[in-house]
Amino acid sequence: MAKLYYSIGEVAQMLEVNPSLLRYWETEFDCLRPQKNSKGTRTYTIEDINILKRIHHLTKDCGFTLEGAREQIKSNALPDEKMEIIQNLNEIRSFLIDLKDQL
């Protein structure tokens, strides 16, 4: 069963980035607003994580600047279904590279 809320550390580990990068992206992208409790601890929903995955893909894999990634997200140029397919293909690629290195 999937969790409803994830901590910044869990999300950073999922995306293999530093938590500071997630906090920075939060200031740069209006669509990204994780909930905060009274102590200021961020809690991310699945929707927040999908937005972060999209930002990560656009900036790290596709080479977009932050401004370019903002425009792509606003125009919804990459639907979530395509994003999932790309993510799955990247995971398969990583697996195959690891397998090749073991041979």
PDB file of N, CA and C in Angstrom:
ATOM      1  N   MET A   1       0.844  -1.182   0.000  1.00  0.00           N
ATOM      2  CA  MET A   1       0.000   0.000   0.000  1.00  0.00           C
ATOM      3  C   MET A   1       0.893   1.249   0.000  1.00  0.00           C
ATOM      4  N   ALA A   2       0.600   2.162  -0.878  1.00  0.00           N
ATOM      5  CA  ALA A   2       1.385   3.389  -0.998  1.00  0.00           C
ATOM      6  C   ALA A   2       1.043   4.355   0.124  1.00  0.00           C
ATOM      7  N   LYS A   3       2.032   5.140   0.497  1.00  0.00           N
ATOM      8  CA  LYS A   3       1.823   6.140   1.535  1.00  0.00           C
ATOM      9  C   LYS A   3       1.098   7.345   0.944  1.00  0.00           C
ATOM     10  N   LEU A   4       0.440   8.108   1.797  1.00  0.00           N
ATOM     11  CA  LEU A   4      -0.217   9.329   1.349  1.00  0.00           C
ATOM     12  C   LEU A   4       0.743  10.501   1.337  1.00  0.00           C
ATOM     13  N   TYR A   5       1.677  10.518   2.280  1.00  0.00           N
ATOM     14  CA  TYR A   5       2.617  11.628   2.400  1.00  0.00           C
ATOM     15  C   TYR A   5       4.037  11.105   2.552  1.00  0.00           C
ATOM     16  N   TYR A   6       4.966  11.814   1.942  1.00  0.00           N
ATOM     17  CA  TYR A   6       6.376  11.439   1.993  1.00  0.00           C
ATOM     18  C   TYR A   6       7.180  12.623   2.517  1.00  0.00           C
ATOM     19  N   SER A   7       8.258  12.322   3.240  1.00  0.00           N
ATOM     20  CA  SER A   7       9.130  13.380   3.756  1.00  0.00           C
ATOM     21  C   SER A   7      10.060  13.849   2.639  1.00  0.00           C
ATOM     22  N   ILE A   8      10.699  14.997   2.862  1.00  0.00           N
ATOM     23  CA  ILE A   8      11.614  15.536   1.861  1.00  0.00           C
ATOM     24  C   ILE A   8      12.796  14.584   1.651  1.00  0.00           C
ATOM     25  N   GLY A   9      13.239  13.930   2.705  1.00  0.00           N
ATOM     26  CA  GLY A   9      14.336  12.972   2.581  1.00  0.00           C
ATOM     27  C   GLY A   9      13.962  11.776   1.721  1.00  0.00           C
ATOM     28  N   GLU A  10      12.751  11.264   1.902  1.00  0.00           N
ATOM     29  CA  GLU A  10      12.289  10.130   1.101  1.00  0.00           C
ATOM     30  C   GLU A  10      12.186  10.505  -0.379  1.00  0.00           C
ATOM     31  N   VAL A  11      11.652  11.694  -0.647  1.00  0.00           N
ATOM     32  CA  VAL A  11      11.492  12.144  -2.026  1.00  0.00           C
ATOM     33  C   VAL A  11      12.853  12.394  -2.663  1.00  0.00           C
ATOM     34  N   ALA A  12      13.755  13.005  -1.911  1.00  0.00           N
ATOM     35  CA  ALA A  12      15.101  13.259  -2.428  1.00  0.00           C
ATOM     36  C   ALA A  12      15.794  11.939  -2.777  1.00  0.00           C
ATOM     37  N   GLN A  13      15.600  10.936  -1.949  1.00  0.00           N
ATOM     38  CA  GLN A  13      16.198   9.632  -2.208  1.00  0.00           C
ATOM     39  C   GLN A  13      15.575   8.990  -3.454  1.00  0.00           C
ATOM     40  N   MET A  14      14.267   9.134  -3.631  1.00  0.00           N
ATOM     41  CA  MET A  14      13.596   8.598  -4.821  1.00  0.00           C
ATOM     42  C   MET A  14      14.181   9.184  -6.097  1.00  0.00           C
ATOM     43  N   LEU A  15      14.423  10.488  -6.080  1.00  0.00           N
ATOM     44  CA  LEU A  15      14.904  11.193  -7.266  1.00  0.00           C
ATOM     45  C   LEU A  15      16.424  11.237  -7.353  1.00  0.00           C
ATOM     46  N   GLU A  16      17.095  10.737  -6.310  1.00  0.00           N
ATOM     47  CA  GLU A  16      18.554  10.747  -6.229  1.00  0.00           C
ATOM     48  C   GLU A  16      19.115  12.166  -6.353  1.00  0.00           C
ATOM     49  N   VAL A  17      18.530  13.082  -5.583  1.00  0.00           N
ATOM     50  CA  VAL A  17      18.993  14.468  -5.519  1.00  0.00           C
ATOM     51  C   VAL A  17      19.103  14.872  -4.050  1.00  0.00           C
ATOM     52  N   ASN A  18      19.686  16.026  -3.801  1.00  0.00           N
ATOM     53  CA  ASN A  18      19.769  16.547  -2.437  1.00  0.00           C
ATOM     54  C   ASN A  18      18.457  17.216  -2.054  1.00  0.00           C
ATOM     55  N   PRO A  19      18.078  17.148  -0.781  1.00  0.00           N
ATOM     56  CA  PRO A  19      16.869  17.844  -0.334  1.00  0.00           C
ATOM     57  C   PRO A  19      16.916  19.348  -0.619  1.00  0.00           C
ATOM     58  N   SER A  20      18.114  19.922  -0.604  1.00  0.00           N
ATOM     59  CA  SER A  20      18.227  21.353  -0.875  1.00  0.00           C
ATOM     60  C   SER A  20      17.759  21.690  -2.292  1.00  0.00           C
ATOM     61  N   LEU A  21      17.976  20.781  -3.234  1.00  0.00           N
ATOM     62  CA  LEU A  21      17.508  21.011  -4.603  1.00  0.00           C
ATOM     63  C   LEU A  21      15.991  21.025  -4.645  1.00  0.00           C
ATOM     64  N   LEU A  22      15.340  20.164  -3.877  1.00  0.00           N
ATOM     65  CA  LEU A  22      13.871  20.149  -3.832  1.00  0.00           C
ATOM     66  C   LEU A  22      13.344  21.453  -3.248  1.00  0.00           C
ATOM     67  N   ARG A  23      14.005  21.949  -2.203  1.00  0.00           N
ATOM     68  CA  ARG A  23      13.586  23.216  -1.613  1.00  0.00           C
ATOM     69  C   ARG A  23      13.787  24.360  -2.608  1.00  0.00           C
ATOM     70  N   TYR A  24      14.870  24.305  -3.385  1.00  0.00           N
ATOM     71  CA  TYR A  24      15.125  25.333  -4.395  1.00  0.00           C
ATOM     72  C   TYR A  24      14.058  25.286  -5.480  1.00  0.00           C
ATOM     73  N   TRP A  25      13.747  24.097  -5.971  1.00  0.00           N
ATOM     74  CA  TRP A  25      12.709  23.973  -7.000  1.00  0.00           C
ATOM     75  C   TRP A  25      11.369  24.493  -6.492  1.00  0.00           C
ATOM     76  N   GLU A  26      11.126  24.329  -5.214  1.00  0.00           N
ATOM     77  CA  GLU A  26       9.881  24.833  -4.626  1.00  0.00           C
ATOM     78  C   GLU A  26       9.775  26.354  -4.779  1.00  0.00           C
ATOM     79  N   THR A  27      10.910  27.040  -4.699  1.00  0.00           N
ATOM     80  CA  THR A  27      10.891  28.508  -4.855  1.00  0.00           C
ATOM     81  C   THR A  27      10.777  28.912  -6.318  1.00  0.00           C
ATOM     82  N   GLU A  28      11.203  28.042  -7.230  1.00  0.00           N
ATOM     83  CA  GLU A  28      11.238  28.365  -8.654  1.00  0.00           C
ATOM     84  C   GLU A  28       9.962  27.980  -9.410  1.00  0.00           C
ATOM     85  N   PHE A  29       9.206  27.026  -8.908  1.00  0.00           N
ATOM     86  CA  PHE A  29       8.019  26.526  -9.608  1.00  0.00           C
ATOM     87  C   PHE A  29       6.772  26.753  -8.759  1.00  0.00           C
ATOM     88  N   ASP A  30       5.866  27.585  -9.277  1.00  0.00           N
ATOM     89  CA  ASP A  30       4.635  27.904  -8.546  1.00  0.00           C
ATOM     90  C   ASP A  30       3.734  26.684  -8.363  1.00  0.00           C
ATOM     91  N   CYS A  31       3.812  25.733  -9.277  1.00  0.00           N
ATOM     92  CA  CYS A  31       2.945  24.559  -9.212  1.00  0.00           C
ATOM     93  C   CYS A  31       3.359  23.604  -8.091  1.00  0.00           C
ATOM     94  N   LEU A  32       4.515  23.803  -7.530  1.00  0.00           N
ATOM     95  CA  LEU A  32       5.038  22.916  -6.492  1.00  0.00           C
ATOM     96  C   LEU A  32       4.886  23.578  -5.126  1.00  0.00           C
ATOM     97  N   ARG A  33       3.933  23.134  -4.369  1.00  0.00           N
ATOM     98  CA  ARG A  33       3.678  23.669  -3.034  1.00  0.00           C
ATOM     99  C   ARG A  33       3.356  22.531  -2.064  1.00  0.00           C
ATOM    100  N   PRO A  34       4.389  21.848  -1.549  1.00  0.00           N
ATOM    101  CA  PRO A  34       4.119  20.776  -0.586  1.00  0.00           C
ATOM    102  C   PRO A  34       3.542  21.356   0.708  1.00  0.00           C
ATOM    103  N   GLN A  35       2.753  20.545   1.364  1.00  0.00           N
ATOM    104  CA  GLN A  35       2.164  20.988   2.632  1.00  0.00           C
ATOM    105  C   GLN A  35       3.254  21.036   3.696  1.00  0.00           C
ATOM    106  N   LYS A  36       3.081  21.945   4.642  1.00  0.00           N
ATOM    107  CA  LYS A  36       4.013  22.045   5.767  1.00  0.00           C
ATOM    108  C   LYS A  36       3.210  21.959   7.054  1.00  0.00           C
ATOM    109  N   ASN A  37       3.767  21.259   8.042  1.00  0.00           N
ATOM    110  CA  ASN A  37       3.092  21.196   9.333  1.00  0.00           C
ATOM    111  C   ASN A  37       3.481  22.415  10.165  1.00  0.00           C
ATOM    112  N   SER A  38       3.046  22.459  11.411  1.00  0.00           N
ATOM    113  CA  SER A  38       3.296  23.628  12.258  1.00  0.00           C
ATOM    114  C   SER A  38       4.789  23.864  12.516  1.00  0.00           C
ATOM    115  N   LYS A  39       5.597  22.804  12.419  1.00  0.00           N
ATOM    116  CA  LYS A  39       7.039  22.944  12.604  1.00  0.00           C
ATOM    117  C   LYS A  39       7.748  23.301  11.305  1.00  0.00           C
ATOM    118  N   GLY A  40       7.012  23.331  10.184  1.00  0.00           N
ATOM    119  CA  GLY A  40       7.606  23.674   8.896  1.00  0.00           C
ATOM    120  C   GLY A  40       8.139  22.487   8.118  1.00  0.00           C
ATOM    121  N   THR A  41       7.875  21.277   8.600  1.00  0.00           N
ATOM    122  CA  THR A  41       8.316  20.072   7.909  1.00  0.00           C
ATOM    123  C   THR A  41       7.446  19.842   6.675  1.00  0.00           C
ATOM    124  N   ARG A  42       8.108  19.682   5.537  1.00  0.00           N
ATOM    125  CA  ARG A  42       7.390  19.478   4.279  1.00  0.00           C
ATOM    126  C   ARG A  42       6.884  18.044   4.178  1.00  0.00           C
ATOM    127  N   THR A  43       5.673  17.899   3.647  1.00  0.00           N
ATOM    128  CA  THR A  43       5.126  16.584   3.336  1.00  0.00           C
ATOM    129  C   THR A  43       4.658  16.609   1.890  1.00  0.00           C
ATOM    130  N   TYR A  44       5.146  15.652   1.117  1.00  0.00           N
ATOM    131  CA  TYR A  44       4.865  15.590  -0.314  1.00  0.00           C
ATOM    132  C   TYR A  44       3.821  14.521  -0.612  1.00  0.00           C
ATOM    133  N   THR A  45       2.872  14.862  -1.466  1.00  0.00           N
ATOM    134  CA  THR A  45       1.875  13.909  -1.935  1.00  0.00           C
ATOM    135  C   THR A  45       2.386  13.267  -3.227  1.00  0.00           C
ATOM    136  N   ILE A  46       1.665  12.276  -3.704  1.00  0.00           N
ATOM    137  CA  ILE A  46       2.018  11.637  -4.971  1.00  0.00           C
ATOM    138  C   ILE A  46       1.993  12.668  -6.103  1.00  0.00           C
ATOM    139  N   GLU A  47       1.030  13.577  -6.063  1.00  0.00           N
ATOM    140  CA  GLU A  47       0.946  14.626  -7.086  1.00  0.00           C
ATOM    141  C   GLU A  47       2.192  15.515  -7.050  1.00  0.00           C
ATOM    142  N   ASP A  48       2.630  15.895  -5.852  1.00  0.00           N
ATOM    143  CA  ASP A  48       3.862  16.692  -5.720  1.00  0.00           C
ATOM    144  C   ASP A  48       5.063  15.930  -6.285  1.00  0.00           C
ATOM    145  N   ILE A  49       5.126  14.643  -5.993  1.00  0.00           N
ATOM    146  CA  ILE A  49       6.243  13.823  -6.454  1.00  0.00           C
ATOM    147  C   ILE A  49       6.231  13.724  -7.982  1.00  0.00           C
ATOM    148  N   ASN A  50       5.051  13.608  -8.575  1.00  0.00           N
ATOM    149  CA  ASN A  50       4.963  13.557 -10.040  1.00  0.00           C
ATOM    150  C   ASN A  50       5.451  14.865 -10.663  1.00  0.00           C
ATOM    151  N   ILE A  51       5.125  15.992 -10.043  1.00  0.00           N
ATOM    152  CA  ILE A  51       5.614  17.289 -10.529  1.00  0.00           C
ATOM    153  C   ILE A  51       7.130  17.331 -10.422  1.00  0.00           C
ATOM    154  N   LEU A  52       7.670  16.862  -9.293  1.00  0.00           N
ATOM    155  CA  LEU A  52       9.123  16.848  -9.113  1.00  0.00           C
ATOM    156  C   LEU A  52       9.807  15.935 -10.125  1.00  0.00           C
ATOM    157  N   LYS A  53       9.204  14.793 -10.405  1.00  0.00           N
ATOM    158  CA  LYS A  53       9.768  13.889 -11.407  1.00  0.00           C
ATOM    159  C   LYS A  53       9.795  14.566 -12.768  1.00  0.00           C
ATOM    160  N   ARG A  54       8.766  15.299 -13.067  1.00  0.00           N
ATOM    161  CA  ARG A  54       8.694  16.007 -14.342  1.00  0.00           C
ATOM    162  C   ARG A  54       9.770  17.093 -14.425  1.00  0.00           C
ATOM    163  N   ILE A  55       9.915  17.856 -13.342  1.00  0.00           N
ATOM    164  CA  ILE A  55      10.952  18.902 -13.291  1.00  0.00           C
ATOM    165  C   ILE A  55      12.334  18.261 -13.444  1.00  0.00           C
ATOM    166  N   HIS A  56      12.554  17.181 -12.724  1.00  0.00           N
ATOM    167  CA  HIS A  56      13.834  16.477 -12.787  1.00  0.00           C
ATOM    168  C   HIS A  56      14.109  16.007 -14.209  1.00  0.00           C
ATOM    169  N   HIS A  57      13.123  15.415 -14.842  1.00  0.00           N
ATOM    170  CA  HIS A  57      13.297  14.925 -16.210  1.00  0.00           C
ATOM    171  C   HIS A  57      13.615  16.065 -17.168  1.00  0.00           C
ATOM    172  N   LEU A  58      12.873  17.151 -17.062  1.00  0.00           N
ATOM    173  CA  LEU A  58      13.075  18.269 -17.981  1.00  0.00           C
ATOM    174  C   LEU A  58      14.440  18.925 -17.802  1.00  0.00           C
ATOM    175  N   THR A  59      14.860  19.095 -16.547  1.00  0.00           N
ATOM    176  CA  THR A  59      16.123  19.796 -16.297  1.00  0.00           C
ATOM    177  C   THR A  59      17.336  18.890 -16.429  1.00  0.00           C
ATOM    178  N   LYS A  60      17.252  17.678 -15.946  1.00  0.00           N
ATOM    179  CA  LYS A  60      18.421  16.793 -15.932  1.00  0.00           C
ATOM    180  C   LYS A  60      18.550  15.955 -17.196  1.00  0.00           C
ATOM    181  N   ASP A  61      17.445  15.386 -17.675  1.00  0.00           N
ATOM    182  CA  ASP A  61      17.511  14.494 -18.829  1.00  0.00           C
ATOM    183  C   ASP A  61      17.397  15.243 -20.155  1.00  0.00           C
ATOM    184  N   CYS A  62      16.496  16.208 -20.222  1.00  0.00           N
ATOM    185  CA  CYS A  62      16.252  16.926 -21.481  1.00  0.00           C
ATOM    186  C   CYS A  62      17.104  18.177 -21.625  1.00  0.00           C
ATOM    187  N   GLY A  63      17.723  18.636 -20.547  1.00  0.00           N
ATOM    188  CA  GLY A  63      18.624  19.779 -20.617  1.00  0.00           C
ATOM    189  C   GLY A  63      17.935  21.137 -20.640  1.00  0.00           C
ATOM    190  N   PHE A  64      16.683  21.209 -20.204  1.00  0.00           N
ATOM    191  CA  PHE A  64      15.977  22.486 -20.162  1.00  0.00           C
ATOM    192  C   PHE A  64      16.536  23.357 -19.036  1.00  0.00           C
ATOM    193  N   THR A  65      16.489  24.656 -19.246  1.00  0.00           N
ATOM    194  CA  THR A  65      16.774  25.585 -18.164  1.00  0.00           C
ATOM    195  C   THR A  65      15.549  25.597 -17.255  1.00  0.00           C
ATOM    196  N   LEU A  66      15.672  26.238 -16.097  1.00  0.00           N
ATOM    197  CA  LEU A  66      14.513  26.316 -15.206  1.00  0.00           C
ATOM    198  C   LEU A  66      13.359  27.065 -15.876  1.00  0.00           C
ATOM    199  N   GLU A  67      13.690  28.125 -16.604  1.00  0.00           N
ATOM    200  CA  GLU A  67      12.657  28.887 -17.317  1.00  0.00           C
ATOM    201  C   GLU A  67      11.987  28.016 -18.376  1.00  0.00           C
ATOM    202  N   GLY A  68      12.775  27.271 -19.107  1.00  0.00           N
ATOM    203  CA  GLY A  68      12.221  26.381 -20.125  1.00  0.00           C
ATOM    204  C   GLY A  68      11.353  25.290 -19.516  1.00  0.00           C
ATOM    205  N   ALA A  69      11.798  24.742 -18.398  1.00  0.00           N
ATOM    206  CA  ALA A  69      11.016  23.709 -17.708  1.00  0.00           C
ATOM    207  C   ALA A  69       9.704  24.290 -17.195  1.00  0.00           C
ATOM    208  N   ARG A  70       9.746  25.535 -16.684  1.00  0.00           N
ATOM    209  CA  ARG A  70       8.512  26.196 -16.218  1.00  0.00           C
ATOM    210  C   ARG A  70       7.514  26.329 -17.364  1.00  0.00           C
ATOM    211  N   GLU A  71       8.008  26.756 -18.533  1.00  0.00           N
ATOM    212  CA  GLU A  71       7.129  26.927 -19.686  1.00  0.00           C
ATOM    213  C   GLU A  71       6.559  25.593 -20.148  1.00  0.00           C
ATOM    214  N   GLN A  72       7.377  24.543 -20.138  1.00  0.00           N
ATOM    215  CA  GLN A  72       6.897  23.225 -20.547  1.00  0.00           C
ATOM    216  C   GLN A  72       5.814  22.722 -19.591  1.00  0.00           C
ATOM    217  N   ILE A  73       6.013  22.938 -18.315  1.00  0.00           N
ATOM    218  CA  ILE A  73       5.031  22.479 -17.334  1.00  0.00           C
ATOM    219  C   ILE A  73       3.738  23.281 -17.472  1.00  0.00           C
ATOM    220  N   LYS A  74       3.853  24.596 -17.683  1.00  0.00           N
ATOM    221  CA  LYS A  74       2.654  25.428 -17.858  1.00  0.00           C
ATOM    222  C   LYS A  74       1.871  25.012 -19.094  1.00  0.00           C
ATOM    223  N   SER A  75       2.577  24.698 -20.170  1.00  0.00           N
ATOM    224  CA  SER A  75       1.896  24.328 -21.409  1.00  0.00           C
ATOM    225  C   SER A  75       1.500  22.855 -21.412  1.00  0.00           C
ATOM    226  N   ASN A  76       1.919  22.126 -20.376  1.00  0.00           N
ATOM    227  CA  ASN A  76       1.597  20.708 -20.240  1.00  0.00           C
ATOM    228  C   ASN A  76       2.032  19.940 -21.485  1.00  0.00           C
ATOM    229  N   ALA A  77       3.226  20.264 -21.975  1.00  0.00           N
ATOM    230  CA  ALA A  77       3.722  19.692 -23.222  1.00  0.00           C
ATOM    231  C   ALA A  77       4.095  18.220 -23.099  1.00  0.00           C
ATOM    232  N   LEU A  78       4.338  17.717 -21.903  1.00  0.00           N
ATOM    233  CA  LEU A  78       4.701  16.318 -21.724  1.00  0.00           C
ATOM    234  C   LEU A  78       3.701  15.663 -20.774  1.00  0.00           C
ATOM    235  N   PRO A  79       2.675  14.983 -21.303  1.00  0.00           N
ATOM    236  CA  PRO A  79       1.667  14.362 -20.445  1.00  0.00           C
ATOM    237  C   PRO A  79       2.279  13.344 -19.491  1.00  0.00           C
ATOM    238  N   ASP A  80       1.576  13.109 -18.384  1.00  0.00           N
ATOM    239  CA  ASP A  80       2.068  12.198 -17.351  1.00  0.00           C
ATOM    240  C   ASP A  80       2.306  10.793 -17.885  1.00  0.00           C
ATOM    241  N   GLU A  81       1.471  10.332 -18.823  1.00  0.00           N
ATOM    242  CA  GLU A  81       1.642   8.994 -19.375  1.00  0.00           C
ATOM    243  C   GLU A  81       2.991   8.869 -20.079  1.00  0.00           C
ATOM    244  N   LYS A  82       3.352   9.862 -20.866  1.00  0.00           N
ATOM    245  CA  LYS A  82       4.643   9.834 -21.548  1.00  0.00           C
ATOM    246  C   LYS A  82       5.775   9.903 -20.542  1.00  0.00           C
ATOM    247  N   MET A  83       5.574  10.675 -19.487  1.00  0.00           N
ATOM    248  CA  MET A  83       6.583  10.800 -18.444  1.00  0.00           C
ATOM    249  C   MET A  83       6.845   9.448 -17.795  1.00  0.00           C
ATOM    250  N   GLU A  84       5.784   8.690 -17.515  1.00  0.00           N
ATOM    251  CA  GLU A  84       5.931   7.368 -16.912  1.00  0.00           C
ATOM    252  C   GLU A  84       6.657   6.418 -17.854  1.00  0.00           C
ATOM    253  N   ILE A  85       6.332   6.484 -19.136  1.00  0.00           N
ATOM    254  CA  ILE A  85       6.997   5.623 -20.118  1.00  0.00           C
ATOM    255  C   ILE A  85       8.483   5.941 -20.169  1.00  0.00           C
ATOM    256  N   ILE A  86       8.812   7.224 -20.191  1.00  0.00           N
ATOM    257  CA  ILE A  86      10.220   7.630 -20.229  1.00  0.00           C
ATOM    258  C   ILE A  86      10.939   7.167 -18.977  1.00  0.00           C
ATOM    259  N   GLN A  87      10.286   7.301 -17.834  1.00  0.00           N
ATOM    260  CA  GLN A  87      10.894   6.870 -16.579  1.00  0.00           C
ATOM    261  C   GLN A  87      11.138   5.359 -16.598  1.00  0.00           C
ATOM    262  N   ASN A  88      10.155   4.588 -17.072  1.00  0.00           N
ATOM    263  CA  ASN A  88      10.313   3.135 -17.142  1.00  0.00           C
ATOM    264  C   ASN A  88      11.449   2.756 -18.083  1.00  0.00           C
ATOM    265  N   LEU A  89      11.542   3.422 -19.221  1.00  0.00           N
ATOM    266  CA  LEU A  89      12.629   3.143 -20.160  1.00  0.00           C
ATOM    267  C   LEU A  89      13.993   3.478 -19.562  1.00  0.00           C
ATOM    268  N   ASN A  90      14.059   4.570 -18.802  1.00  0.00           N
ATOM    269  CA  ASN A  90      15.316   4.920 -18.137  1.00  0.00           C
ATOM    270  C   ASN A  90      15.713   3.881 -17.100  1.00  0.00           C
ATOM    271  N   GLU A  91      14.728   3.334 -16.388  1.00  0.00           N
ATOM    272  CA  GLU A  91      15.010   2.290 -15.396  1.00  0.00           C
ATOM    273  C   GLU A  91      15.509   1.028 -16.088  1.00  0.00           C
ATOM    274  N   ILE A  92      14.879   0.664 -17.215  1.00  0.00           N
ATOM    275  CA  ILE A  92      15.308  -0.510 -17.974  1.00  0.00           C
ATOM    276  C   ILE A  92      16.728  -0.298 -18.488  1.00  0.00           C
ATOM    277  N   ARG A  93      17.002   0.891 -18.983  1.00  0.00           N
ATOM    278  CA  ARG A  93      18.340   1.205 -19.484  1.00  0.00           C
ATOM    279  C   ARG A  93      19.379   1.059 -18.375  1.00  0.00           C
ATOM    280  N   SER A  94      19.070   1.590 -17.195  1.00  0.00           N
ATOM    281  CA  SER A  94      19.998   1.480 -16.065  1.00  0.00           C
ATOM    282  C   SER A  94      20.240   0.019 -15.705  1.00  0.00           C
ATOM    283  N   PHE A  95      19.174  -0.783 -15.713  1.00  0.00           N
ATOM    284  CA  PHE A  95      19.292  -2.199 -15.410  1.00  0.00           C
ATOM    285  C   PHE A  95      20.201  -2.889 -16.427  1.00  0.00           C
ATOM    286  N   LEU A  96      19.991  -2.586 -17.699  1.00  0.00           N
ATOM    287  CA  LEU A  96      20.793  -3.220 -18.752  1.00  0.00           C
ATOM    288  C   LEU A  96      22.261  -2.803 -18.665  1.00  0.00           C
ATOM    289  N   ILE A  97      22.509  -1.548 -18.331  1.00  0.00           N
ATOM    290  CA  ILE A  97      23.896  -1.091 -18.170  1.00  0.00           C
ATOM    291  C   ILE A  97      24.560  -1.817 -17.003  1.00  0.00           C
ATOM    292  N   ASP A  98      23.826  -1.954 -15.894  1.00  0.00           N
ATOM    293  CA  ASP A  98      24.361  -2.678 -14.743  1.00  0.00           C
ATOM    294  C   ASP A  98      24.643  -4.136 -15.113  1.00  0.00           C
ATOM    295  N   LEU A  99      23.730  -4.734 -15.852  1.00  0.00           N
ATOM    296  CA  LEU A  99      23.891  -6.119 -16.275  1.00  0.00           C
ATOM    297  C   LEU A  99      25.114  -6.269 -17.176  1.00  0.00           C
ATOM    298  N   LYS A 100      25.286  -5.349 -18.091  1.00  0.00           N
ATOM    299  CA  LYS A 100      26.447  -5.360 -18.995  1.00  0.00           C
ATOM    300  C   LYS A 100      27.750  -5.241 -18.202  1.00  0.00           C
ATOM    301  N   ASP A 101      27.757  -4.358 -17.197  1.00  0.00           N
ATOM    302  CA  ASP A 101      28.956  -4.158 -16.381  1.00  0.00           C
ATOM    303  C   ASP A 101      29.310  -5.406 -15.569  1.00  0.00           C
ATOM    304  N   GLN A 102      28.307  -6.201 -15.229  1.00  0.00           N
ATOM    305  CA  GLN A 102      28.555  -7.424 -14.459  1.00  0.00           C
ATOM    306  C   GLN A 102      29.133  -8.551 -15.312  1.00  0.00           C
ATOM    307  N   LEU A 103      28.945  -8.445 -16.624  1.00  0.00           N
ATOM    308  CA  LEU A 103      29.454  -9.510 -17.511  1.00  0.00           C
ATOM    309  C   LEU A 103      30.930  -9.421 -17.736  1.00  0.00           C
TER     310      LEU A 103
END
